Amino acid sequence: PESRQETPPASFSALMLDFPVPAKSRTAWTQLCYTLDEL
């Protein structure tokens, strides 16, 4: 539901960390989620 907002959610990582990504992408995806929180 947060994807339809016009403003960022309180925490991207809380919503996106468990998205299914390939094993070789997991570390980078985790870093990406926390980076979005910093922004």
Full PDB file with SEQRES, HELIX, SHEET, SSBOND, CRYST1, ORIGX, SCALE, CONECT and MASTER records, all heavy atoms in Angstrom:
SEQRES   1 A   39  PRO GLU SER ARG GLN GLU THR PRO PRO ALA SER PHE SER          
SEQRES   2 A   39  ALA LEU MET LEU ASP PHE PRO VAL PRO ALA LYS SER ARG          
SEQRES   3 A   39  THR ALA TRP THR GLN LEU CYS TYR THR LEU ASP GLU LEU          
HELIX    1 AA1 GLU A    2  ARG A    4  5                                   3    
HELIX    2 AA2 PHE A   12  MET A   16  1                                   5    
HELIX    3 AA3 ALA A   23  SER A   25  5                                   3    
HELIX    4 AA4 ARG A   26  GLU A   38  1                                  13    
CRYST1    1.000    1.000    1.000  90.00  90.00  90.00 P 1           1          
ORIGX1      1.000000  0.000000  0.000000        0.00000                         
ORIGX2      0.000000  1.000000  0.000000        0.00000                         
ORIGX3      0.000000  0.000000  1.000000        0.00000                         
SCALE1      1.000000  0.000000  0.000000        0.00000                         
SCALE2      0.000000  1.000000  0.000000        0.00000                         
SCALE3      0.000000  0.000000  1.000000        0.00000                         
ATOM      1  N   PRO A   1       0.821  -1.229   0.000  1.00  0.00           N  
ATOM      2  CA  PRO A   1       0.000   0.000   0.000  1.00  0.00           C  
ATOM      3  C   PRO A   1       0.845   1.266   0.000  1.00  0.00           C  
ATOM      4  O   PRO A   1       0.466   2.282  -0.599  1.00  0.00           O  
ATOM      5  CB  PRO A   1      -0.813  -0.123   1.302  1.00  0.00           C  
ATOM      6  CG  PRO A   1      -0.833  -1.593   1.602  1.00  0.00           C  
ATOM      7  CD  PRO A   1       0.465  -2.137   1.110  1.00  0.00           C  
ATOM      8  N   GLU A   2       2.014   1.201   0.665  1.00  0.00           N  
ATOM      9  CA  GLU A   2       2.877   2.395   0.766  1.00  0.00           C  
ATOM     10  C   GLU A   2       3.398   2.844  -0.601  1.00  0.00           C  
ATOM     11  O   GLU A   2       3.820   3.994  -0.766  1.00  0.00           O  
ATOM     12  CB  GLU A   2       4.057   2.120   1.694  1.00  0.00           C  
ATOM     13  CG  GLU A   2       3.685   1.972   3.164  1.00  0.00           C  
ATOM     14  CD  GLU A   2       3.207   0.561   3.498  1.00  0.00           C  
ATOM     15  OE1 GLU A   2       3.085  -0.278   2.562  1.00  0.00           O  
ATOM     16  OE2 GLU A   2       2.972   0.295   4.683  1.00  0.00           O  
ATOM     17  N   SER A   3       3.408   1.919  -1.577  1.00  0.00           N  
ATOM     18  CA  SER A   3       3.939   2.282  -2.899  1.00  0.00           C  
ATOM     19  C   SER A   3       3.049   3.291  -3.611  1.00  0.00           C  
ATOM     20  O   SER A   3       3.480   3.923  -4.571  1.00  0.00           O  
ATOM     21  CB  SER A   3       4.091   1.029  -3.766  1.00  0.00           C  
ATOM     22  OG  SER A   3       2.811   0.507  -4.111  1.00  0.00           O  
ATOM     23  N   ARG A   4       1.820   3.433  -3.161  1.00  0.00           N  
ATOM     24  CA  ARG A   4       0.888   4.351  -3.826  1.00  0.00           C  
ATOM     25  C   ARG A   4       0.843   5.719  -3.163  1.00  0.00           C  
ATOM     26  O   ARG A   4       0.065   6.580  -3.555  1.00  0.00           O  
ATOM     27  CB  ARG A   4      -0.501   3.717  -3.860  1.00  0.00           C  
ATOM     28  CG  ARG A   4      -0.548   2.472  -4.757  1.00  0.00           C  
ATOM     29  CD  ARG A   4      -1.925   1.857  -4.858  1.00  0.00           C  
ATOM     30  NE  ARG A   4      -2.312   1.154  -3.630  1.00  0.00           N  
ATOM     31  CZ  ARG A   4      -1.922  -0.096  -3.340  1.00  0.00           C  
ATOM     32  NH1 ARG A   4      -1.116  -0.745  -4.175  1.00  0.00           N  
ATOM     33  NH2 ARG A   4      -2.319  -0.688  -2.237  1.00  0.00           N  
ATOM     34  N   GLN A   5       1.688   5.904  -2.148  1.00  0.00           N  
ATOM     35  CA  GLN A   5       1.767   7.215  -1.497  1.00  0.00           C  
ATOM     36  C   GLN A   5       2.559   8.198  -2.358  1.00  0.00           C  
ATOM     37  O   GLN A   5       3.330   7.799  -3.225  1.00  0.00           O  
ATOM     38  CB  GLN A   5       2.464   7.078  -0.134  1.00  0.00           C  
ATOM     39  CG  GLN A   5       1.735   6.201   0.863  1.00  0.00           C  
ATOM     40  CD  GLN A   5       2.512   6.028   2.156  1.00  0.00           C  
ATOM     41  OE1 GLN A   5       2.068   5.356   3.054  1.00  0.00           O  
ATOM     42  NE2 GLN A   5       3.692   6.637   2.235  1.00  0.00           N  
ATOM     43  N   GLU A   6       2.383   9.462  -2.077  1.00  0.00           N  
ATOM     44  CA  GLU A   6       3.165  10.486  -2.770  1.00  0.00           C  
ATOM     45  C   GLU A   6       4.388  10.884  -1.971  1.00  0.00           C  
ATOM     46  O   GLU A   6       5.172  11.730  -2.420  1.00  0.00           O  
ATOM     47  CB  GLU A   6       2.289  11.714  -3.051  1.00  0.00           C  
ATOM     48  CG  GLU A   6       1.174  11.427  -4.042  1.00  0.00           C  
ATOM     49  CD  GLU A   6       0.426  12.689  -4.425  1.00  0.00           C  
ATOM     50  OE1 GLU A   6       0.826  13.781  -3.952  1.00  0.00           O  
ATOM     51  OE2 GLU A   6      -0.543  12.593  -5.197  1.00  0.00           O  
ATOM     52  N   THR A   7       4.566  10.287  -0.802  1.00  0.00           N  
ATOM     53  CA  THR A   7       5.722  10.570   0.050  1.00  0.00           C  
ATOM     54  C   THR A   7       6.379   9.244   0.418  1.00  0.00           C  
ATOM     55  O   THR A   7       5.747   8.184   0.359  1.00  0.00           O  
ATOM     56  CB  THR A   7       5.303  11.313   1.325  1.00  0.00           C  
ATOM     57  OG1 THR A   7       4.297  10.536   1.995  1.00  0.00           O  
ATOM     58  CG2 THR A   7       4.751  12.691   0.995  1.00  0.00           C  
ATOM     59  N   PRO A   8       7.654   9.264   0.820  1.00  0.00           N  
ATOM     60  CA  PRO A   8       8.328   8.013   1.166  1.00  0.00           C  
ATOM     61  C   PRO A   8       7.729   7.380   2.417  1.00  0.00           C  
ATOM     62  O   PRO A   8       7.201   8.089   3.298  1.00  0.00           O  
ATOM     63  CB  PRO A   8       9.778   8.439   1.397  1.00  0.00           C  
ATOM     64  CG  PRO A   8       9.822   9.909   1.369  1.00  0.00           C  
ATOM     65  CD  PRO A   8       8.521  10.442   0.899  1.00  0.00           C  
ATOM     66  N   PRO A   9       7.782   6.049   2.538  1.00  0.00           N  
ATOM     67  CA  PRO A   9       7.293   5.377   3.745  1.00  0.00           C  
ATOM     68  C   PRO A   9       8.227   5.641   4.919  1.00  0.00           C  
ATOM     69  O   PRO A   9       9.345   6.124   4.745  1.00  0.00           O  
ATOM     70  CB  PRO A   9       7.309   3.906   3.347  1.00  0.00           C  
ATOM     71  CG  PRO A   9       8.380   3.807   2.308  1.00  0.00           C  
ATOM     72  CD  PRO A   9       8.324   5.104   1.547  1.00  0.00           C  
ATOM     73  N   ALA A  10       7.789   5.294   6.098  1.00  0.00           N  
ATOM     74  CA  ALA A  10       8.617   5.490   7.298  1.00  0.00           C  
ATOM     75  C   ALA A  10       9.891   4.669   7.224  1.00  0.00           C  
ATOM     76  O   ALA A  10      10.933   5.075   7.748  1.00  0.00           O  
ATOM     77  CB  ALA A  10       7.824   5.131   8.546  1.00  0.00           C  
ATOM     78  N   SER A  11       9.823   3.505   6.571  1.00  0.00           N  
ATOM     79  CA  SER A  11      11.009   2.657   6.443  1.00  0.00           C  
ATOM     80  C   SER A  11      10.886   1.795   5.194  1.00  0.00           C  
ATOM     81  O   SER A  11       9.994   0.951   5.089  1.00  0.00           O  
ATOM     82  CB  SER A  11      11.174   1.765   7.677  1.00  0.00           C  
ATOM     83  OG  SER A  11      12.183   0.795   7.458  1.00  0.00           O  
ATOM     84  N   PHE A  12      11.802   2.012   4.236  1.00  0.00           N  
ATOM     85  CA  PHE A  12      11.832   1.154   3.054  1.00  0.00           C  
ATOM     86  C   PHE A  12      12.252  -0.264   3.421  1.00  0.00           C  
ATOM     87  O   PHE A  12      11.702  -1.238   2.903  1.00  0.00           O  
ATOM     88  CB  PHE A  12      12.803   1.721   2.011  1.00  0.00           C  
ATOM     89  CG  PHE A  12      12.258   2.879   1.226  1.00  0.00           C  
ATOM     90  CD1 PHE A  12      12.583   4.184   1.556  1.00  0.00           C  
ATOM     91  CD2 PHE A  12      11.421   2.662   0.134  1.00  0.00           C  
ATOM     92  CE1 PHE A  12      12.094   5.253   0.824  1.00  0.00           C  
ATOM     93  CE2 PHE A  12      10.909   3.717  -0.609  1.00  0.00           C  
ATOM     94  CZ  PHE A  12      11.255   5.019  -0.256  1.00  0.00           C  
ATOM     95  N   SER A  13      13.243  -0.382   4.299  1.00  0.00           N  
ATOM     96  CA  SER A  13      13.775  -1.708   4.613  1.00  0.00           C  
ATOM     97  C   SER A  13      12.716  -2.596   5.270  1.00  0.00           C  
ATOM     98  O   SER A  13      12.674  -3.810   5.025  1.00  0.00           O  
ATOM     99  CB  SER A  13      15.008  -1.590   5.511  1.00  0.00           C  
ATOM    100  OG  SER A  13      14.686  -0.934   6.724  1.00  0.00           O  
ATOM    101  N   ALA A  14      11.855  -2.006   6.098  1.00  0.00           N  
ATOM    102  CA  ALA A  14      10.815  -2.803   6.754  1.00  0.00           C  
ATOM    103  C   ALA A  14       9.875  -3.445   5.737  1.00  0.00           C  
ATOM    104  O   ALA A  14       9.305  -4.514   5.974  1.00  0.00           O  
ATOM    105  CB  ALA A  14      10.025  -1.921   7.718  1.00  0.00           C  
ATOM    106  N   LEU A  15       9.727  -2.799   4.586  1.00  0.00           N  
ATOM    107  CA  LEU A  15       8.819  -3.302   3.558  1.00  0.00           C  
ATOM    108  C   LEU A  15       9.520  -4.189   2.529  1.00  0.00           C  
ATOM    109  O   LEU A  15       8.910  -5.104   1.970  1.00  0.00           O  
ATOM    110  CB  LEU A  15       8.175  -2.123   2.826  1.00  0.00           C  
ATOM    111  CG  LEU A  15       7.361  -1.142   3.684  1.00  0.00           C  
ATOM    112  CD1 LEU A  15       7.029   0.107   2.873  1.00  0.00           C  
ATOM    113  CD2 LEU A  15       6.077  -1.807   4.169  1.00  0.00           C  
ATOM    114  N   MET A  16      10.803  -3.929   2.257  1.00  0.00           N  
ATOM    115  CA  MET A  16      11.448  -4.517   1.086  1.00  0.00           C  
ATOM    116  C   MET A  16      12.489  -5.596   1.390  1.00  0.00           C  
ATOM    117  O   MET A  16      12.882  -6.334   0.475  1.00  0.00           O  
ATOM    118  CB  MET A  16      12.113  -3.397   0.252  1.00  0.00           C  
ATOM    119  CG  MET A  16      11.129  -2.357  -0.267  1.00  0.00           C  
ATOM    120  SD  MET A  16      11.921  -0.872  -0.983  1.00  0.00           S  
ATOM    121  CE  MET A  16      12.783  -1.560  -2.366  1.00  0.00           C  
ATOM    122  N   LEU A  17      12.940  -5.686   2.637  1.00  0.00           N  
ATOM    123  CA  LEU A  17      14.035  -6.614   2.939  1.00  0.00           C  
ATOM    124  C   LEU A  17      13.711  -8.052   2.573  1.00  0.00           C  
ATOM    125  O   LEU A  17      14.588  -8.816   2.140  1.00  0.00           O  
ATOM    126  CB  LEU A  17      14.416  -6.532   4.424  1.00  0.00           C  
ATOM    127  CG  LEU A  17      15.496  -5.531   4.816  1.00  0.00           C  
ATOM    128  CD1 LEU A  17      15.717  -5.556   6.317  1.00  0.00           C  
ATOM    129  CD2 LEU A  17      16.807  -5.802   4.084  1.00  0.00           C  
ATOM    130  N   ASP A  18      12.469  -8.461   2.747  1.00  0.00           N  
ATOM    131  CA  ASP A  18      12.124  -9.866   2.513  1.00  0.00           C  
ATOM    132  C   ASP A  18      11.681 -10.148   1.080  1.00  0.00           C  
ATOM    133  O   ASP A  18      11.188 -11.238   0.781  1.00  0.00           O  
ATOM    134  CB  ASP A  18      11.049 -10.318   3.495  1.00  0.00           C  
ATOM    135  CG  ASP A  18       9.731  -9.568   3.285  1.00  0.00           C  
ATOM    136  OD1 ASP A  18       9.750  -8.529   2.584  1.00  0.00           O  
ATOM    137  OD2 ASP A  18       8.704 -10.019   3.832  1.00  0.00           O  
ATOM    138  N   PHE A  19      11.866  -9.188   0.159  1.00  0.00           N  
ATOM    139  CA  PHE A  19      11.537  -9.455  -1.234  1.00  0.00           C  
ATOM    140  C   PHE A  19      12.397 -10.619  -1.739  1.00  0.00           C  
ATOM    141  O   PHE A  19      13.577 -10.728  -1.391  1.00  0.00           O  
ATOM    142  CB  PHE A  19      11.804  -8.221  -2.108  1.00  0.00           C  
ATOM    143  CG  PHE A  19      10.750  -7.146  -2.021  1.00  0.00           C  
ATOM    144  CD1 PHE A  19       9.810  -7.137  -0.999  1.00  0.00           C  
ATOM    145  CD2 PHE A  19      10.703  -6.118  -2.955  1.00  0.00           C  
ATOM    146  CE1 PHE A  19       8.839  -6.138  -0.918  1.00  0.00           C  
ATOM    147  CE2 PHE A  19       9.762  -5.118  -2.886  1.00  0.00           C  
ATOM    148  CZ  PHE A  19       8.823  -5.129  -1.855  1.00  0.00           C  
ATOM    149  N   PRO A  20      11.841 -11.504  -2.567  1.00  0.00           N  
ATOM    150  CA  PRO A  20      12.611 -12.650  -3.057  1.00  0.00           C  
ATOM    151  C   PRO A  20      13.614 -12.230  -4.140  1.00  0.00           C  
ATOM    152  O   PRO A  20      13.228 -11.844  -5.244  1.00  0.00           O  
ATOM    153  CB  PRO A  20      11.532 -13.563  -3.652  1.00  0.00           C  
ATOM    154  CG  PRO A  20      10.424 -12.640  -4.037  1.00  0.00           C  
ATOM    155  CD  PRO A  20      10.439 -11.514  -3.043  1.00  0.00           C  
ATOM    156  N   VAL A  21      14.897 -12.263  -3.803  1.00  0.00           N  
ATOM    157  CA  VAL A  21      15.955 -11.935  -4.761  1.00  0.00           C  
ATOM    158  C   VAL A  21      16.893 -13.128  -4.859  1.00  0.00           C  
ATOM    159  O   VAL A  21      16.956 -13.962  -3.943  1.00  0.00           O  
ATOM    160  CB  VAL A  21      16.735 -10.674  -4.322  1.00  0.00           C  
ATOM    161  CG1 VAL A  21      15.842  -9.450  -4.317  1.00  0.00           C  
ATOM    162  CG2 VAL A  21      17.391 -10.859  -2.967  1.00  0.00           C  
ATOM    163  N   PRO A  22      17.636 -13.263  -5.955  1.00  0.00           N  
ATOM    164  CA  PRO A  22      18.597 -14.360  -6.080  1.00  0.00           C  
ATOM    165  C   PRO A  22      19.611 -14.324  -4.943  1.00  0.00           C  
ATOM    166  O   PRO A  22      19.908 -13.256  -4.387  1.00  0.00           O  
ATOM    167  CB  PRO A  22      19.259 -14.096  -7.430  1.00  0.00           C  
ATOM    168  CG  PRO A  22      18.293 -13.244  -8.186  1.00  0.00           C  
ATOM    169  CD  PRO A  22      17.590 -12.412  -7.155  1.00  0.00           C  
ATOM    170  N   ALA A  23      20.165 -15.479  -4.622  1.00  0.00           N  
ATOM    171  CA  ALA A  23      21.125 -15.574  -3.519  1.00  0.00           C  
ATOM    172  C   ALA A  23      22.311 -14.640  -3.730  1.00  0.00           C  
ATOM    173  O   ALA A  23      22.789 -14.000  -2.780  1.00  0.00           O  
ATOM    174  CB  ALA A  23      21.599 -17.022  -3.377  1.00  0.00           C  
ATOM    175  N   LYS A  24      22.782 -14.527  -4.981  1.00  0.00           N  
ATOM    176  CA  LYS A  24      23.953 -13.681  -5.254  1.00  0.00           C  
ATOM    177  C   LYS A  24      23.620 -12.191  -5.113  1.00  0.00           C  
ATOM    178  O   LYS A  24      24.523 -11.358  -5.050  1.00  0.00           O  
ATOM    179  CB  LYS A  24      24.489 -13.960  -6.653  1.00  0.00           C  
ATOM    180  CG  LYS A  24      23.564 -13.559  -7.783  1.00  0.00           C  
ATOM    181  CD  LYS A  24      24.072 -14.003  -9.154  1.00  0.00           C  
ATOM    182  CE  LYS A  24      25.388 -13.369  -9.515  1.00  0.00           C  
ATOM    183  NZ  LYS A  24      25.801 -13.726 -10.900  1.00  0.00           N  
ATOM    184  N   SER A  25      22.320 -11.869  -5.048  1.00  0.00           N  
ATOM    185  CA  SER A  25      21.895 -10.469  -4.930  1.00  0.00           C  
ATOM    186  C   SER A  25      21.544 -10.082  -3.502  1.00  0.00           C  
ATOM    187  O   SER A  25      21.335  -8.896  -3.219  1.00  0.00           O  
ATOM    188  CB  SER A  25      20.674 -10.207  -5.821  1.00  0.00           C  
ATOM    189  OG  SER A  25      20.836 -10.717  -7.117  1.00  0.00           O  
ATOM    190  N   ARG A  26      21.467 -11.048  -2.594  1.00  0.00           N  
ATOM    191  CA  ARG A  26      20.904 -10.798  -1.270  1.00  0.00           C  
ATOM    192  C   ARG A  26      21.658  -9.711  -0.503  1.00  0.00           C  
ATOM    193  O   ARG A  26      21.055  -8.785   0.042  1.00  0.00           O  
ATOM    194  CB  ARG A  26      20.875 -12.105  -0.474  1.00  0.00           C  
ATOM    195  CG  ARG A  26      20.445 -11.970   0.987  1.00  0.00           C  
ATOM    196  CD  ARG A  26      19.123 -11.229   1.191  1.00  0.00           C  
ATOM    197  NE  ARG A  26      18.008 -11.850   0.497  1.00  0.00           N  
ATOM    198  CZ  ARG A  26      16.813 -11.296   0.412  1.00  0.00           C  
ATOM    199  NH1 ARG A  26      16.591 -10.079   0.925  1.00  0.00           N  
ATOM    200  NH2 ARG A  26      15.826 -11.914  -0.216  1.00  0.00           N  
ATOM    201  N   THR A  27      22.990  -9.807  -0.454  1.00  0.00           N  
ATOM    202  CA  THR A  27      23.765  -8.821   0.318  1.00  0.00           C  
ATOM    203  C   THR A  27      23.582  -7.416  -0.254  1.00  0.00           C  
ATOM    204  O   THR A  27      23.358  -6.447   0.478  1.00  0.00           O  
ATOM    205  CB  THR A  27      25.260  -9.195   0.312  1.00  0.00           C  
ATOM    206  OG1 THR A  27      25.414 -10.491   0.909  1.00  0.00           O  
ATOM    207  CG2 THR A  27      26.078  -8.187   1.097  1.00  0.00           C  
ATOM    208  N   ALA A  28      23.674  -7.310  -1.585  1.00  0.00           N  
ATOM    209  CA  ALA A  28      23.537  -6.000  -2.229  1.00  0.00           C  
ATOM    210  C   ALA A  28      22.120  -5.449  -2.058  1.00  0.00           C  
ATOM    211  O   ALA A  28      21.935  -4.238  -1.865  1.00  0.00           O  
ATOM    212  CB  ALA A  28      23.887  -6.109  -3.718  1.00  0.00           C  
ATOM    213  N   TRP A  29      21.108  -6.321  -2.131  1.00  0.00           N  
ATOM    214  CA  TRP A  29      19.725  -5.875  -1.953  1.00  0.00           C  
ATOM    215  C   TRP A  29      19.509  -5.338  -0.539  1.00  0.00           C  
ATOM    216  O   TRP A  29      18.851  -4.310  -0.352  1.00  0.00           O  
ATOM    217  CB  TRP A  29      18.767  -7.030  -2.238  1.00  0.00           C  
ATOM    218  CG  TRP A  29      17.323  -6.659  -2.039  1.00  0.00           C  
ATOM    219  CD1 TRP A  29      16.528  -6.984  -0.983  1.00  0.00           C  
ATOM    220  CD2 TRP A  29      16.512  -5.852  -2.903  1.00  0.00           C  
ATOM    221  NE1 TRP A  29      15.275  -6.452  -1.140  1.00  0.00           N  
ATOM    222  CE2 TRP A  29      15.230  -5.743  -2.310  1.00  0.00           C  
ATOM    223  CE3 TRP A  29      16.754  -5.219  -4.122  1.00  0.00           C  
ATOM    224  CZ2 TRP A  29      14.197  -5.025  -2.904  1.00  0.00           C  
ATOM    225  CZ3 TRP A  29      15.718  -4.498  -4.715  1.00  0.00           C  
ATOM    226  CH2 TRP A  29      14.460  -4.407  -4.097  1.00  0.00           C  
ATOM    227  N   THR A  30      20.066  -6.036   0.450  1.00  0.00           N  
ATOM    228  CA  THR A  30      19.949  -5.579   1.838  1.00  0.00           C  
ATOM    229  C   THR A  30      20.564  -4.198   1.996  1.00  0.00           C  
ATOM    230  O   THR A  30      19.985  -3.301   2.630  1.00  0.00           O  
ATOM    231  CB  THR A  30      20.636  -6.578   2.786  1.00  0.00           C  
ATOM    232  OG1 THR A  30      20.008  -7.862   2.641  1.00  0.00           O  
ATOM    233  CG2 THR A  30      20.539  -6.126   4.228  1.00  0.00           C  
ATOM    234  N   GLN A  31      21.754  -4.011   1.400  1.00  0.00           N  
ATOM    235  CA  GLN A  31      22.422  -2.715   1.471  1.00  0.00           C  
ATOM    236  C   GLN A  31      21.592  -1.638   0.792  1.00  0.00           C  
ATOM    237  O   GLN A  31      21.482  -0.509   1.281  1.00  0.00           O  
ATOM    238  CB  GLN A  31      23.799  -2.811   0.810  1.00  0.00           C  
ATOM    239  CG  GLN A  31      24.613  -1.519   0.874  1.00  0.00           C  
ATOM    240  CD  GLN A  31      24.952  -1.116   2.287  1.00  0.00           C  
ATOM    241  OE1 GLN A  31      25.616  -1.862   3.001  1.00  0.00           O  
ATOM    242  NE2 GLN A  31      24.498   0.053   2.716  1.00  0.00           N  
ATOM    243  N   LEU A  32      20.970  -1.990  -0.321  1.00  0.00           N  
ATOM    244  CA  LEU A  32      20.123  -1.040  -1.037  1.00  0.00           C  
ATOM    245  C   LEU A  32      18.950  -0.589  -0.165  1.00  0.00           C  
ATOM    246  O   LEU A  32      18.636   0.602  -0.088  1.00  0.00           O  
ATOM    247  CB  LEU A  32      19.601  -1.689  -2.318  1.00  0.00           C  
ATOM    248  CG  LEU A  32      18.503  -0.931  -3.081  1.00  0.00           C  
ATOM    249  CD1 LEU A  32      19.027   0.393  -3.604  1.00  0.00           C  
ATOM    250  CD2 LEU A  32      17.955  -1.766  -4.229  1.00  0.00           C  
ATOM    251  N   CYS A  33      18.303  -1.537   0.497  1.00  0.00           N  
ATOM    252  CA  CYS A  33      17.147  -1.201   1.340  1.00  0.00           C  
ATOM    253  C   CYS A  33      17.534  -0.240   2.461  1.00  0.00           C  
ATOM    254  O   CYS A  33      16.829   0.750   2.729  1.00  0.00           O  
ATOM    255  CB  CYS A  33      16.550  -2.474   1.937  1.00  0.00           C  
ATOM    256  SG  CYS A  33      15.805  -3.564   0.709  1.00  0.00           S  
ATOM    257  N   TYR A  34      18.647  -0.505   3.114  1.00  0.00           N  
ATOM    258  CA  TYR A  34      19.087   0.373   4.206  1.00  0.00           C  
ATOM    259  C   TYR A  34      19.543   1.737   3.676  1.00  0.00           C  
ATOM    260  O   TYR A  34      19.395   2.759   4.356  1.00  0.00           O  
ATOM    261  CB  TYR A  34      20.195  -0.294   5.009  1.00  0.00           C  
ATOM    262  CG  TYR A  34      19.704  -1.428   5.880  1.00  0.00           C  
ATOM    263  CD1 TYR A  34      20.305  -2.686   5.842  1.00  0.00           C  
ATOM    264  CD2 TYR A  34      18.613  -1.252   6.743  1.00  0.00           C  
ATOM    265  CE1 TYR A  34      19.847  -3.729   6.640  1.00  0.00           C  
ATOM    266  CE2 TYR A  34      18.145  -2.287   7.543  1.00  0.00           C  
ATOM    267  CZ  TYR A  34      18.760  -3.519   7.488  1.00  0.00           C  
ATOM    268  OH  TYR A  34      18.293  -4.542   8.272  1.00  0.00           O  
ATOM    269  N   THR A  35      20.091   1.751   2.458  1.00  0.00           N  
ATOM    270  CA  THR A  35      20.478   3.032   1.851  1.00  0.00           C  
ATOM    271  C   THR A  35      19.247   3.897   1.597  1.00  0.00           C  
ATOM    272  O   THR A  35      19.263   5.113   1.834  1.00  0.00           O  
ATOM    273  CB  THR A  35      21.245   2.795   0.534  1.00  0.00           C  
ATOM    274  OG1 THR A  35      22.414   2.025   0.803  1.00  0.00           O  
ATOM    275  CG2 THR A  35      21.646   4.115  -0.110  1.00  0.00           C  
ATOM    276  N   LEU A  36      18.164   3.279   1.110  1.00  0.00           N  
ATOM    277  CA  LEU A  36      16.924   4.041   0.892  1.00  0.00           C  
ATOM    278  C   LEU A  36      16.413   4.629   2.199  1.00  0.00           C  
ATOM    279  O   LEU A  36      15.880   5.748   2.220  1.00  0.00           O  
ATOM    280  CB  LEU A  36      15.860   3.127   0.269  1.00  0.00           C  
ATOM    281  CG  LEU A  36      16.155   2.624  -1.154  1.00  0.00           C  
ATOM    282  CD1 LEU A  36      15.083   1.646  -1.612  1.00  0.00           C  
ATOM    283  CD2 LEU A  36      16.259   3.790  -2.131  1.00  0.00           C  
ATOM    284  N   ASP A  37      16.588   3.891   3.320  1.00  0.00           N  
ATOM    285  CA  ASP A  37      16.214   4.445   4.632  1.00  0.00           C  
ATOM    286  C   ASP A  37      17.016   5.697   4.950  1.00  0.00           C  
ATOM    287  O   ASP A  37      16.494   6.666   5.516  1.00  0.00           O  
ATOM    288  CB  ASP A  37      16.444   3.401   5.731  1.00  0.00           C  
ATOM    289  CG  ASP A  37      15.412   2.285   5.705  1.00  0.00           C  
ATOM    290  OD1 ASP A  37      14.383   2.456   5.033  1.00  0.00           O  
ATOM    291  OD2 ASP A  37      15.646   1.254   6.360  1.00  0.00           O  
ATOM    292  N   GLU A  38      18.319   5.690   4.571  1.00  0.00           N  
ATOM    293  CA  GLU A  38      19.172   6.861   4.831  1.00  0.00           C  
ATOM    294  C   GLU A  38      18.716   8.068   4.029  1.00  0.00           C  
ATOM    295  O   GLU A  38      18.859   9.210   4.472  1.00  0.00           O  
ATOM    296  CB  GLU A  38      20.631   6.548   4.456  1.00  0.00           C  
ATOM    297  CG  GLU A  38      21.377   5.678   5.434  1.00  0.00           C  
ATOM    298  CD  GLU A  38      22.835   5.543   5.040  1.00  0.00           C  
ATOM    299  OE1 GLU A  38      23.390   6.500   4.438  1.00  0.00           O  
ATOM    300  OE2 GLU A  38      23.422   4.487   5.322  1.00  0.00           O  
ATOM    301  N   LEU A  39      18.164   7.818   2.846  1.00  0.00           N  
ATOM    302  CA  LEU A  39      17.752   8.931   1.979  1.00  0.00           C  
ATOM    303  C   LEU A  39      16.466   9.592   2.468  1.00  0.00           C  
ATOM    304  O   LEU A  39      16.209  10.753   2.147  1.00  0.00           O  
ATOM    305  CB  LEU A  39      17.554   8.434   0.541  1.00  0.00           C  
ATOM    306  CG  LEU A  39      18.737   7.684  -0.104  1.00  0.00           C  
ATOM    307  CD1 LEU A  39      18.449   7.412  -1.576  1.00  0.00           C  
ATOM    308  CD2 LEU A  39      20.032   8.451   0.053  1.00  0.00           C  
TER     309      LEU A  39                                                      
MASTER        0    0    0    4    0    0    0    6  308    1    0    3          
END                                                                             
